[in-house]
Amino acid sequence: MTKVDIITSREILRNYKAVFDKVKNTKQRTIVVSHKEPQVAIVSLDDLEQLQQLQYKNSTKSLLDFTTKARAALKEEKLPKDLAISHDNYL
């Protein structure tokens, strides 16, 4: 697992360029804390792209799972060949 740096919000105000350069060059993630509570994370652009791809894959997988379940549920449904005759029953 990748090591994570933890810095204070005061440190980021004083040394933001050095922190950004370190994250950019070493790909080391950094968490900024204020009053002992994590506030934000600073990650490299490569890490951000990976997170976005993962999020996209997860949302796509969720959509596929939903459509698979919907198809299975509708497969058992018996609809008349001509819905115009009794369409009010299905609304």
Protein backbone atom coordinates (compact mmCIF):
# COMPACT_ATOMS: atom_id res chain seq x y z
CA MET A 1 0.00 0.00 0.00
CA THR A 2 1.17 3.50 -0.75
CA LYS A 3 2.39 5.60 2.14
CA VAL A 4 0.26 8.66 2.90
CA ASP A 5 1.64 11.95 4.19
CA ILE A 6 -0.38 13.92 6.72
CA ILE A 7 0.12 17.67 6.95
CA THR A 8 -1.68 20.52 8.66
CA SER A 9 -3.59 23.24 6.87
CA ARG A 10 -0.99 25.69 8.18
CA GLU A 11 1.78 23.67 6.49
CA ILE A 12 -0.09 23.73 3.21
CA LEU A 13 -0.42 27.51 3.45
CA ARG A 14 3.30 27.91 4.07
CA ASN A 15 4.68 25.22 1.74
CA TYR A 16 2.01 24.50 -0.85
CA LYS A 17 4.45 24.50 -3.78
CA ALA A 18 6.75 21.96 -2.11
CA VAL A 19 3.77 19.78 -1.14
CA PHE A 20 2.34 19.88 -4.68
CA ASP A 21 5.74 19.10 -6.19
CA LYS A 22 6.22 16.14 -3.84
CA VAL A 23 2.80 14.71 -4.71
CA LYS A 24 3.39 15.30 -8.41
CA ASN A 25 6.90 13.78 -8.50
CA THR A 26 6.54 10.90 -6.03
CA LYS A 27 2.81 10.13 -6.50
CA GLN A 28 2.57 10.10 -2.70
CA ARG A 29 -0.90 10.97 -1.46
CA THR A 30 -1.24 13.69 1.17
CA ILE A 31 -4.03 14.35 3.64
CA VAL A 32 -4.53 17.88 4.96
CA VAL A 33 -5.85 18.08 8.53
CA SER A 34 -7.29 20.98 10.44
CA HIS A 35 -8.09 20.79 14.16
CA LYS A 36 -7.05 17.11 14.07
CA GLU A 37 -9.73 16.31 11.46
CA PRO A 38 -8.96 15.27 7.86
CA GLN A 39 -10.25 17.93 5.47
CA VAL A 40 -9.01 17.07 1.97
CA ALA A 41 -6.65 14.77 0.14
CA ILE A 42 -4.11 15.80 -2.45
CA VAL A 43 -3.45 13.15 -5.09
CA SER A 44 -1.51 13.04 -8.33
CA LEU A 45 -3.34 13.44 -11.62
CA ASP A 46 -2.60 9.77 -12.40
CA ASP A 47 -4.32 8.72 -9.17
CA LEU A 48 -7.27 10.98 -9.94
CA GLU A 49 -7.65 9.44 -13.41
CA GLN A 50 -7.54 5.94 -11.89
CA LEU A 51 -10.21 6.91 -9.36
CA GLN A 52 -12.41 8.33 -12.11
CA GLN A 53 -12.01 5.18 -14.21
CA LEU A 54 -12.88 3.02 -11.21
CA GLN A 55 -15.94 5.15 -10.49
CA TYR A 56 -17.03 4.84 -14.13
CA LYS A 57 -16.53 1.06 -14.11
CA ASN A 58 -18.52 0.74 -10.87
CA SER A 59 -21.39 2.87 -12.20
CA THR A 60 -21.42 0.89 -15.45
CA LYS A 61 -21.43 -2.39 -13.54
CA SER A 62 -24.33 -1.15 -11.38
CA LEU A 63 -26.29 -0.24 -14.50
CA LEU A 64 -25.62 -3.64 -16.06
CA ASP A 65 -26.67 -5.40 -12.84
CA PHE A 66 -29.90 -3.38 -12.79
CA THR A 67 -30.74 -4.17 -16.41
CA THR A 68 -30.02 -7.86 -15.88
CA LYS A 69 -32.40 -7.95 -12.90
CA ALA A 70 -35.04 -5.97 -14.81
CA ARG A 71 -34.83 -8.34 -17.77
CA ALA A 72 -35.17 -11.34 -15.49
CA ALA A 73 -38.22 -9.80 -13.81
CA LEU A 74 -39.84 -8.89 -17.14
CA LYS A 75 -39.12 -12.31 -18.63
CA GLU A 76 -41.80 -13.83 -16.40
CA GLU A 77 -44.29 -11.05 -17.18
CA LYS A 78 -47.13 -12.10 -19.48
CA LEU A 79 -48.42 -9.20 -21.56
CA PRO A 80 -51.17 -9.50 -24.16
CA LYS A 81 -50.08 -9.42 -27.79
CA ASP A 82 -52.17 -6.31 -28.41
CA LEU A 83 -51.94 -3.83 -25.56
CA ALA A 84 -54.37 -1.50 -27.32
CA ILE A 85 -57.26 -3.78 -26.33
CA SER A 86 -56.67 -3.65 -22.57
CA HIS A 87 -53.97 -1.07 -22.01
CA ASP A 88 -55.82 0.55 -19.07
CA ASN A 89 -55.17 -2.55 -16.98
CA TYR A 90 -51.41 -1.96 -17.22
CA LEU A 91 -51.31 1.76 -16.42
